[in-house]
Amino acid sequence: MNYWAASYSTKNEIYKQYVGSFHPYINIGFANNAFRKTEISAAFSLNYDKSLLGIYPNLSVDYNKLILSVCKLPMIEAITVELIDPENVKLTWS
């Protein structure tokens, strides 16, 4: 396998590994933006060059740049936060 094929293959494997753990969130977050492709494919297209950093074989993932959702939502109104116990909060909004 040549250098470019190895680089592409490795980037794809890394992407599958780290995005796979976010699969349920991506399915929801890209549900309305996956036109003629799956939600995972839409996320792959958006994230591939933005969140995979480096040059083969020194590749890394920048989780701060990973996009899990793309959509327009109305702003949250009347949000309240209630401390249930030291480790849990309850959020409510309308």
PDB file of N, CA and C in Angstrom:
ATOM      1  N   MET A   1       0.856  -1.177   0.000  1.00  0.00           N
ATOM      2  CA  MET A   1       0.000   0.000   0.000  1.00  0.00           C
ATOM      3  C   MET A   1       0.901   1.239   0.000  1.00  0.00           C
ATOM      4  N   ASN A   2       0.568   2.208  -0.845  1.00  0.00           N
ATOM      5  CA  ASN A   2       1.389   3.410  -0.899  1.00  0.00           C
ATOM      6  C   ASN A   2       1.061   4.354   0.260  1.00  0.00           C
ATOM      7  N   TYR A   3       1.849   5.403   0.392  1.00  0.00           N
ATOM      8  CA  TYR A   3       1.723   6.353   1.501  1.00  0.00           C
ATOM      9  C   TYR A   3       0.334   6.971   1.565  1.00  0.00           C
ATOM     10  N   TRP A   4      -0.204   7.447   0.433  1.00  0.00           N
ATOM     11  CA  TRP A   4      -1.495   8.145   0.429  1.00  0.00           C
ATOM     12  C   TRP A   4      -2.635   7.199   0.760  1.00  0.00           C
ATOM     13  N   ALA A   5      -2.571   5.984   0.254  1.00  0.00           N
ATOM     14  CA  ALA A   5      -3.611   4.999   0.563  1.00  0.00           C
ATOM     15  C   ALA A   5      -3.569   4.638   2.042  1.00  0.00           C
ATOM     16  N   ALA A   6      -2.380   4.475   2.591  1.00  0.00           N
ATOM     17  CA  ALA A   6      -2.233   4.163   4.015  1.00  0.00           C
ATOM     18  C   ALA A   6      -2.744   5.320   4.866  1.00  0.00           C
ATOM     19  N   SER A   7      -2.437   6.544   4.466  1.00  0.00           N
ATOM     20  CA  SER A   7      -2.887   7.721   5.202  1.00  0.00           C
ATOM     21  C   SER A   7      -4.409   7.801   5.213  1.00  0.00           C
ATOM     22  N   TYR A   8      -5.022   7.637   4.059  1.00  0.00           N
ATOM     23  CA  TYR A   8      -6.477   7.706   3.941  1.00  0.00           C
ATOM     24  C   TYR A   8      -7.133   6.589   4.755  1.00  0.00           C
ATOM     25  N   SER A   9      -6.608   5.395   4.648  1.00  0.00           N
ATOM     26  CA  SER A   9      -7.158   4.245   5.378  1.00  0.00           C
ATOM     27  C   SER A   9      -7.061   4.451   6.885  1.00  0.00           C
ATOM     28  N   THR A  10      -5.934   4.948   7.349  1.00  0.00           N
ATOM     29  CA  THR A  10      -5.736   5.186   8.779  1.00  0.00           C
ATOM     30  C   THR A  10      -6.664   6.283   9.283  1.00  0.00           C
ATOM     31  N   LYS A  11      -6.811   7.362   8.525  1.00  0.00           N
ATOM     32  CA  LYS A  11      -7.728   8.439   8.922  1.00  0.00           C
ATOM     33  C   LYS A  11      -9.159   7.909   9.023  1.00  0.00           C
ATOM     34  N   ASN A  12      -9.554   7.076   8.078  1.00  0.00           N
ATOM     35  CA  ASN A  12     -10.900   6.511   8.126  1.00  0.00           C
ATOM     36  C   ASN A  12     -11.093   5.631   9.343  1.00  0.00           C
ATOM     37  N   GLU A  13     -10.115   4.822   9.683  1.00  0.00           N
ATOM     38  CA  GLU A  13     -10.219   3.937  10.847  1.00  0.00           C
ATOM     39  C   GLU A  13     -10.300   4.744  12.147  1.00  0.00           C
ATOM     40  N   ILE A  14      -9.476   5.765  12.268  1.00  0.00           N
ATOM     41  CA  ILE A  14      -9.508   6.616  13.464  1.00  0.00           C
ATOM     42  C   ILE A  14     -10.865   7.306  13.558  1.00  0.00           C
ATOM     43  N   TYR A  15     -11.337   7.819  12.434  1.00  0.00           N
ATOM     44  CA  TYR A  15     -12.630   8.497  12.429  1.00  0.00           C
ATOM     45  C   TYR A  15     -13.741   7.552  12.870  1.00  0.00           C
ATOM     46  N   LYS A  16     -13.760   6.346  12.321  1.00  0.00           N
ATOM     47  CA  LYS A  16     -14.792   5.366  12.687  1.00  0.00           C
ATOM     48  C   LYS A  16     -14.738   5.048  14.177  1.00  0.00           C
ATOM     49  N   GLN A  17     -13.552   4.928  14.731  1.00  0.00           N
ATOM     50  CA  GLN A  17     -13.405   4.598  16.148  1.00  0.00           C
ATOM     51  C   GLN A  17     -13.943   5.706  17.039  1.00  0.00           C
ATOM     52  N   TYR A  18     -13.551   6.934  16.796  1.00  0.00           N
ATOM     53  CA  TYR A  18     -13.970   7.982  17.719  1.00  0.00           C
ATOM     54  C   TYR A  18     -15.385   8.458  17.461  1.00  0.00           C
ATOM     55  N   VAL A  19     -15.844   8.448  16.237  1.00  0.00           N
ATOM     56  CA  VAL A  19     -17.212   8.867  15.966  1.00  0.00           C
ATOM     57  C   VAL A  19     -18.203   7.764  16.344  1.00  0.00           C
ATOM     58  N   GLY A  20     -17.783   6.527  16.278  1.00  0.00           N
ATOM     59  CA  GLY A  20     -18.662   5.418  16.633  1.00  0.00           C
ATOM     60  C   GLY A  20     -19.232   5.540  18.033  1.00  0.00           C
ATOM     61  N   SER A  21     -18.468   6.077  18.949  1.00  0.00           N
ATOM     62  CA  SER A  21     -18.958   6.232  20.314  1.00  0.00           C
ATOM     63  C   SER A  21     -20.024   7.318  20.426  1.00  0.00           C
ATOM     64  N   PHE A  22     -20.107   8.193  19.436  1.00  0.00           N
ATOM     65  CA  PHE A  22     -21.111   9.264  19.422  1.00  0.00           C
ATOM     66  C   PHE A  22     -22.275   8.966  18.472  1.00  0.00           C
ATOM     67  N   HIS A  23     -22.324   7.759  17.945  1.00  0.00           N
ATOM     68  CA  HIS A  23     -23.301   7.388  16.922  1.00  0.00           C
ATOM     69  C   HIS A  23     -24.744   7.768  17.279  1.00  0.00           C
ATOM     70  N   PRO A  24     -25.244   7.445  18.480  1.00  0.00           N
ATOM     71  CA  PRO A  24     -26.642   7.809  18.794  1.00  0.00           C
ATOM     72  C   PRO A  24     -26.886   9.324  18.757  1.00  0.00           C
ATOM     73  N   TYR A  25     -25.904  10.091  19.210  1.00  0.00           N
ATOM     74  CA  TYR A  25     -26.049  11.547  19.221  1.00  0.00           C
ATOM     75  C   TYR A  25     -26.003  12.116  17.799  1.00  0.00           C
ATOM     76  N   ILE A  26     -25.153  11.543  16.968  1.00  0.00           N
ATOM     77  CA  ILE A  26     -25.045  11.990  15.580  1.00  0.00           C
ATOM     78  C   ILE A  26     -26.333  11.678  14.820  1.00  0.00           C
ATOM     79  N   ASN A  27     -26.921  10.514  15.074  1.00  0.00           N
ATOM     80  CA  ASN A  27     -28.183  10.174  14.407  1.00  0.00           C
ATOM     81  C   ASN A  27     -29.251  11.213  14.700  1.00  0.00           C
ATOM     82  N   ILE A  28     -29.309  11.688  15.913  1.00  0.00           N
ATOM     83  CA  ILE A  28     -30.291  12.716  16.279  1.00  0.00           C
ATOM     84  C   ILE A  28     -29.849  14.077  15.747  1.00  0.00           C
ATOM     85  N   GLY A  29     -28.599  14.423  15.961  1.00  0.00           N
ATOM     86  CA  GLY A  29     -28.095  15.747  15.612  1.00  0.00           C
ATOM     87  C   GLY A  29     -28.045  16.045  14.125  1.00  0.00           C
ATOM     88  N   PHE A  30     -27.952  15.012  13.292  1.00  0.00           N
ATOM     89  CA  PHE A  30     -27.892  15.202  11.851  1.00  0.00           C
ATOM     90  C   PHE A  30     -29.147  14.692  11.143  1.00  0.00           C
ATOM     91  N   ALA A  31     -30.171  14.326  11.900  1.00  0.00           N
ATOM     92  CA  ALA A  31     -31.382  13.739  11.317  1.00  0.00           C
ATOM     93  C   ALA A  31     -32.019  14.628  10.257  1.00  0.00           C
ATOM     94  N   ASN A  32     -32.021  15.924  10.457  1.00  0.00           N
ATOM     95  CA  ASN A  32     -32.662  16.827   9.504  1.00  0.00           C
ATOM     96  C   ASN A  32     -31.697  17.402   8.474  1.00  0.00           C
ATOM     97  N   ASN A  33     -30.445  16.988   8.513  1.00  0.00           N
ATOM     98  CA  ASN A  33     -29.453  17.528   7.586  1.00  0.00           C
ATOM     99  C   ASN A  33     -28.777  16.469   6.734  1.00  0.00           C
ATOM    100  N   ALA A  34     -29.234  15.259   6.813  1.00  0.00           N
ATOM    101  CA  ALA A  34     -28.633  14.180   6.037  1.00  0.00           C
ATOM    102  C   ALA A  34     -29.433  13.988   4.748  1.00  0.00           C
ATOM    103  N   PHE A  35     -29.154  14.816   3.760  1.00  0.00           N
ATOM    104  CA  PHE A  35     -29.868  14.764   2.491  1.00  0.00           C
ATOM    105  C   PHE A  35     -29.192  13.756   1.565  1.00  0.00           C
ATOM    106  N   ARG A  36     -29.943  12.733   1.183  1.00  0.00           N
ATOM    107  CA  ARG A  36     -29.458  11.667   0.287  1.00  0.00           C
ATOM    108  C   ARG A  36     -28.250  10.925   0.838  1.00  0.00           C
ATOM    109  N   LYS A  37     -28.099  10.902   2.156  1.00  0.00           N
ATOM    110  CA  LYS A  37     -27.035  10.123   2.802  1.00  0.00           C
ATOM    111  C   LYS A  37     -27.447   9.853   4.240  1.00  0.00           C
ATOM    112  N   THR A  38     -26.730   8.987   4.898  1.00  0.00           N
ATOM    113  CA  THR A  38     -27.034   8.685   6.295  1.00  0.00           C
ATOM    114  C   THR A  38     -26.532   9.811   7.188  1.00  0.00           C
ATOM    115  N   GLU A  39     -27.000   9.805   8.412  1.00  0.00           N
ATOM    116  CA  GLU A  39     -26.551  10.802   9.380  1.00  0.00           C
ATOM    117  C   GLU A  39     -25.047  10.700   9.610  1.00  0.00           C
ATOM    118  N   ILE A  40     -24.547   9.470   9.707  1.00  0.00           N
ATOM    119  CA  ILE A  40     -23.107   9.262   9.922  1.00  0.00           C
ATOM    120  C   ILE A  40     -22.307   9.792   8.731  1.00  0.00           C
ATOM    121  N   SER A  41     -22.797   9.567   7.524  1.00  0.00           N
ATOM    122  CA  SER A  41     -22.106  10.094   6.332  1.00  0.00           C
ATOM    123  C   SER A  41     -22.089  11.618   6.326  1.00  0.00           C
ATOM    124  N   ALA A  42     -23.197  12.226   6.732  1.00  0.00           N
ATOM    125  CA  ALA A  42     -23.249  13.689   6.799  1.00  0.00           C
ATOM    126  C   ALA A  42     -22.248  14.210   7.831  1.00  0.00           C
ATOM    127  N   ALA A  43     -22.189  13.552   8.983  1.00  0.00           N
ATOM    128  CA  ALA A  43     -21.241  13.946  10.026  1.00  0.00           C
ATOM    129  C   ALA A  43     -19.806  13.743   9.550  1.00  0.00           C
ATOM    130  N   PHE A  44     -19.549  12.629   8.862  1.00  0.00           N
ATOM    131  CA  PHE A  44     -18.226  12.345   8.323  1.00  0.00           C
ATOM    132  C   PHE A  44     -17.791  13.466   7.382  1.00  0.00           C
ATOM    133  N   SER A  45     -18.681  13.847   6.472  1.00  0.00           N
ATOM    134  CA  SER A  45     -18.352  14.900   5.502  1.00  0.00           C
ATOM    135  C   SER A  45     -17.990  16.212   6.184  1.00  0.00           C
ATOM    136  N   LEU A  46     -18.709  16.536   7.241  1.00  0.00           N
ATOM    137  CA  LEU A  46     -18.490  17.803   7.936  1.00  0.00           C
ATOM    138  C   LEU A  46     -17.251  17.767   8.836  1.00  0.00           C
ATOM    139  N   ASN A  47     -16.990  16.635   9.457  1.00  0.00           N
ATOM    140  CA  ASN A  47     -15.941  16.548  10.471  1.00  0.00           C
ATOM    141  C   ASN A  47     -14.583  16.063   9.976  1.00  0.00           C
ATOM    142  N   TYR A  48     -14.531  15.379   8.860  1.00  0.00           N
ATOM    143  CA  TYR A  48     -13.312  14.689   8.436  1.00  0.00           C
ATOM    144  C   TYR A  48     -12.083  15.591   8.414  1.00  0.00           C
ATOM    145  N   ASP A  49     -12.185  16.726   7.764  1.00  0.00           N
ATOM    146  CA  ASP A  49     -11.016  17.617   7.656  1.00  0.00           C
ATOM    147  C   ASP A  49     -10.890  18.594   8.809  1.00  0.00           C
ATOM    148  N   LYS A  50     -11.940  18.725   9.627  1.00  0.00           N
ATOM    149  CA  LYS A  50     -11.917  19.702  10.714  1.00  0.00           C
ATOM    150  C   LYS A  50     -11.414  19.127  12.034  1.00  0.00           C
ATOM    151  N   SER A  51     -11.752  17.883  12.322  1.00  0.00           N
ATOM    152  CA  SER A  51     -11.433  17.351  13.645  1.00  0.00           C
ATOM    153  C   SER A  51     -10.328  16.298  13.647  1.00  0.00           C
ATOM    154  N   LEU A  52      -9.945  15.792  12.492  1.00  0.00           N
ATOM    155  CA  LEU A  52      -8.796  14.887  12.404  1.00  0.00           C
ATOM    156  C   LEU A  52      -7.575  15.712  12.029  1.00  0.00           C
ATOM    157  N   LEU A  53      -6.597  15.724  12.903  1.00  0.00           N
ATOM    158  CA  LEU A  53      -5.437  16.590  12.725  1.00  0.00           C
ATOM    159  C   LEU A  53      -4.162  15.780  12.512  1.00  0.00           C
ATOM    160  N   GLY A  54      -3.214  16.392  11.896  1.00  0.00           N
ATOM    161  CA  GLY A  54      -1.907  15.783  11.748  1.00  0.00           C
ATOM    162  C   GLY A  54      -1.681  15.200  10.365  1.00  0.00           C
ATOM    163  N   ILE A  55      -0.505  14.634  10.204  1.00  0.00           N
ATOM    164  CA  ILE A  55      -0.099  13.992   8.959  1.00  0.00           C
ATOM    165  C   ILE A  55       0.271  12.558   9.291  1.00  0.00           C
ATOM    166  N   TYR A  56      -0.200  11.638   8.478  1.00  0.00           N
ATOM    167  CA  TYR A  56       0.073  10.223   8.676  1.00  0.00           C
ATOM    168  C   TYR A  56       1.560   9.988   8.853  1.00  0.00           C
ATOM    169  N   PRO A  57       1.977   9.245   9.820  1.00  0.00           N
ATOM    170  CA  PRO A  57       1.241   8.386  10.752  1.00  0.00           C
ATOM    171  C   PRO A  57       0.903   9.064  12.087  1.00  0.00           C
ATOM    172  N   ASN A  58       1.190  10.354  12.211  1.00  0.00           N
ATOM    173  CA  ASN A  58       0.948  11.083  13.465  1.00  0.00           C
ATOM    174  C   ASN A  58      -0.388  11.816  13.408  1.00  0.00           C
ATOM    175  N   LEU A  59      -1.467  11.076  13.550  1.00  0.00           N
ATOM    176  CA  LEU A  59      -2.807  11.640  13.489  1.00  0.00           C
ATOM    177  C   LEU A  59      -3.398  11.735  14.881  1.00  0.00           C
ATOM    178  N   SER A  60      -4.247  12.738  15.092  1.00  0.00           N
ATOM    179  CA  SER A  60      -4.931  12.879  16.370  1.00  0.00           C
ATOM    180  C   SER A  60      -6.319  13.464  16.130  1.00  0.00           C
ATOM    181  N   VAL A  61      -7.131  13.401  17.163  1.00  0.00           N
ATOM    182  CA  VAL A  61      -8.498  13.899  17.100  1.00  0.00           C
ATOM    183  C   VAL A  61      -8.611  15.125  17.983  1.00  0.00           C
ATOM    184  N   ASP A  62      -9.168  16.201  17.448  1.00  0.00           N
ATOM    185  CA  ASP A  62      -9.454  17.400  18.232  1.00  0.00           C
ATOM    186  C   ASP A  62     -10.938  17.381  18.564  1.00  0.00           C
ATOM    187  N   TYR A  63     -11.270  16.889  19.757  1.00  0.00           N
ATOM    188  CA  TYR A  63     -12.667  16.753  20.159  1.00  0.00           C
ATOM    189  C   TYR A  63     -13.370  18.100  20.288  1.00  0.00           C
ATOM    190  N   ASN A  64     -12.623  19.175  20.483  1.00  0.00           N
ATOM    191  CA  ASN A  64     -13.234  20.503  20.545  1.00  0.00           C
ATOM    192  C   ASN A  64     -13.814  20.924  19.196  1.00  0.00           C
ATOM    193  N   LYS A  65     -13.339  20.342  18.126  1.00  0.00           N
ATOM    194  CA  LYS A  65     -13.822  20.693  16.790  1.00  0.00           C
ATOM    195  C   LYS A  65     -14.849  19.698  16.250  1.00  0.00           C
ATOM    196  N   LEU A  66     -15.130  18.651  16.991  1.00  0.00           N
ATOM    197  CA  LEU A  66     -16.094  17.647  16.564  1.00  0.00           C
ATOM    198  C   LEU A  66     -17.508  18.222  16.611  1.00  0.00           C
ATOM    199  N   ILE A  67     -18.223  18.130  15.511  1.00  0.00           N
ATOM    200  CA  ILE A  67     -19.599  18.636  15.418  1.00  0.00           C
ATOM    201  C   ILE A  67     -20.547  17.453  15.494  1.00  0.00           C
ATOM    202  N   LEU A  68     -21.406  17.440  16.511  1.00  0.00           N
ATOM    203  CA  LEU A  68     -22.358  16.347  16.720  1.00  0.00           C
ATOM    204  C   LEU A  68     -23.754  16.683  16.243  1.00  0.00           C
ATOM    205  N   SER A  69     -24.012  17.952  15.980  1.00  0.00           N
ATOM    206  CA  SER A  69     -25.353  18.356  15.596  1.00  0.00           C
ATOM    207  C   SER A  69     -25.297  19.604  14.731  1.00  0.00           C
ATOM    208  N   VAL A  70     -26.144  19.632  13.717  1.00  0.00           N
ATOM    209  CA  VAL A  70     -26.271  20.796  12.863  1.00  0.00           C
ATOM    210  C   VAL A  70     -27.759  20.992  12.601  1.00  0.00           C
ATOM    211  N   CYS A  71     -28.296  22.032  13.184  1.00  0.00           N
ATOM    212  CA  CYS A  71     -29.717  22.301  12.961  1.00  0.00           C
ATOM    213  C   CYS A  71     -30.069  23.669  13.520  1.00  0.00           C
ATOM    214  N   LYS A  72     -31.234  24.142  13.153  1.00  0.00           N
ATOM    215  CA  LYS A  72     -31.749  25.380  13.700  1.00  0.00           C
ATOM    216  C   LYS A  72     -32.805  25.027  14.725  1.00  0.00           C
ATOM    217  N   LEU A  73     -32.631  25.528  15.923  1.00  0.00           N
ATOM    218  CA  LEU A  73     -33.582  25.284  17.000  1.00  0.00           C
ATOM    219  C   LEU A  73     -34.019  26.611  17.592  1.00  0.00           C
ATOM    220  N   PRO A  74     -35.241  26.656  18.095  1.00  0.00           N
ATOM    221  CA  PRO A  74     -35.663  27.879  18.772  1.00  0.00           C
ATOM    222  C   PRO A  74     -34.883  28.045  20.078  1.00  0.00           C
ATOM    223  N   MET A  75     -34.736  29.274  20.518  1.00  0.00           N
ATOM    224  CA  MET A  75     -34.037  29.535  21.770  1.00  0.00           C
ATOM    225  C   MET A  75     -34.830  28.984  22.951  1.00  0.00           C
ATOM    226  N   ILE A  76     -34.113  28.528  23.953  1.00  0.00           N
ATOM    227  CA  ILE A  76     -34.748  28.051  25.186  1.00  0.00           C
ATOM    228  C   ILE A  76     -35.232  29.267  25.968  1.00  0.00           C
ATOM    229  N   GLU A  77     -36.436  29.167  26.464  1.00  0.00           N
ATOM    230  CA  GLU A  77     -36.995  30.250  27.264  1.00  0.00           C
ATOM    231  C   GLU A  77     -37.356  29.717  28.641  1.00  0.00           C
ATOM    232  N   ALA A  78     -37.323  30.585  29.604  1.00  0.00           N
ATOM    233  CA  ALA A  78     -37.735  30.276  30.982  1.00  0.00           C
ATOM    234  C   ALA A  78     -37.031  29.033  31.521  1.00  0.00           C
ATOM    235  N   ILE A  79     -35.712  29.039  31.450  1.00  0.00           N
ATOM    236  CA  ILE A  79     -34.949  27.902  31.957  1.00  0.00           C
ATOM    237  C   ILE A  79     -34.748  28.035  33.461  1.00  0.00           C
ATOM    238  N   THR A  80     -34.862  26.917  34.161  1.00  0.00           N
ATOM    239  CA  THR A  80     -34.571  26.880  35.598  1.00  0.00           C
ATOM    240  C   THR A  80     -33.628  25.729  35.879  1.00  0.00           C
ATOM    241  N   VAL A  81     -32.763  25.929  36.839  1.00  0.00           N
ATOM    242  CA  VAL A  81     -31.814  24.909  37.256  1.00  0.00           C
ATOM    243  C   VAL A  81     -32.036  24.655  38.738  1.00  0.00           C
ATOM    244  N   GLU A  82     -32.239  23.383  39.073  1.00  0.00           N
ATOM    245  CA  GLU A  82     -32.476  23.014  40.467  1.00  0.00           C
ATOM    246  C   GLU A  82     -31.417  21.999  40.886  1.00  0.00           C
ATOM    247  N   LEU A  83     -30.738  22.259  41.994  1.00  0.00           N
ATOM    248  CA  LEU A  83     -29.739  21.337  42.505  1.00  0.00           C
ATOM    249  C   LEU A  83     -30.455  20.217  43.257  1.00  0.00           C
ATOM    250  N   ILE A  84     -30.386  19.008  42.725  1.00  0.00           N
ATOM    251  CA  ILE A  84     -31.044  17.851  43.329  1.00  0.00           C
ATOM    252  C   ILE A  84     -30.187  17.298  44.464  1.00  0.00           C
ATOM    253  N   ASP A  85     -28.914  17.128  44.196  1.00  0.00           N
ATOM    254  CA  ASP A  85     -27.923  16.701  45.184  1.00  0.00           C
ATOM    255  C   ASP A  85     -26.567  17.183  44.660  1.00  0.00           C
ATOM    256  N   PRO A  86     -25.479  16.955  45.394  1.00  0.00           N
ATOM    257  CA  PRO A  86     -24.183  17.507  44.959  1.00  0.00           C
ATOM    258  C   PRO A  86     -23.720  17.090  43.557  1.00  0.00           C
ATOM    259  N   GLU A  87     -24.274  16.010  43.004  1.00  0.00           N
ATOM    260  CA  GLU A  87     -23.826  15.535  41.699  1.00  0.00           C
ATOM    261  C   GLU A  87     -24.879  15.635  40.601  1.00  0.00           C
ATOM    262  N   ASN A  88     -26.076  16.123  40.905  1.00  0.00           N
ATOM    263  CA  ASN A  88     -27.153  16.150  39.920  1.00  0.00           C
ATOM    264  C   ASN A  88     -27.914  17.459  39.954  1.00  0.00           C
ATOM    265  N   VAL A  89     -28.263  17.917  38.751  1.00  0.00           N
ATOM    266  CA  VAL A  89     -29.113  19.084  38.631  1.00  0.00           C
ATOM    267  C   VAL A  89     -30.310  18.715  37.766  1.00  0.00           C
ATOM    268  N   LYS A  90     -31.379  19.464  37.937  1.00  0.00           N
ATOM    269  CA  LYS A  90     -32.585  19.284  37.130  1.00  0.00           C
ATOM    270  C   LYS A  90     -32.803  20.550  36.321  1.00  0.00           C
ATOM    271  N   LEU A  91     -32.858  20.401  34.999  1.00  0.00           N
ATOM    272  CA  LEU A  91     -33.104  21.519  34.107  1.00  0.00           C
ATOM    273  C   LEU A  91     -34.541  21.422  33.602  1.00  0.00           C
ATOM    274  N   THR A  92     -35.229  22.522  33.636  1.00  0.00           N
ATOM    275  CA  THR A  92     -36.556  22.597  33.025  1.00  0.00           C
ATOM    276  C   THR A  92     -36.644  23.868  32.201  1.00  0.00           C
ATOM    277  N   TRP A  93     -37.399  23.814  31.127  1.00  0.00           N
ATOM    278  CA  TRP A  93     -37.576  24.970  30.275  1.00  0.00           C
ATOM    279  C   TRP A  93     -38.879  24.845  29.506  1.00  0.00           C
ATOM    280  N   SER A  94     -39.244  25.945  28.875  1.00  0.00           N
ATOM    281  CA  SER A  94     -40.456  25.923  28.051  1.00  0.00           C
ATOM    282  C   SER A  94     -40.138  26.353  26.645  1.00  0.00           C
TER     283      SER A  94
END
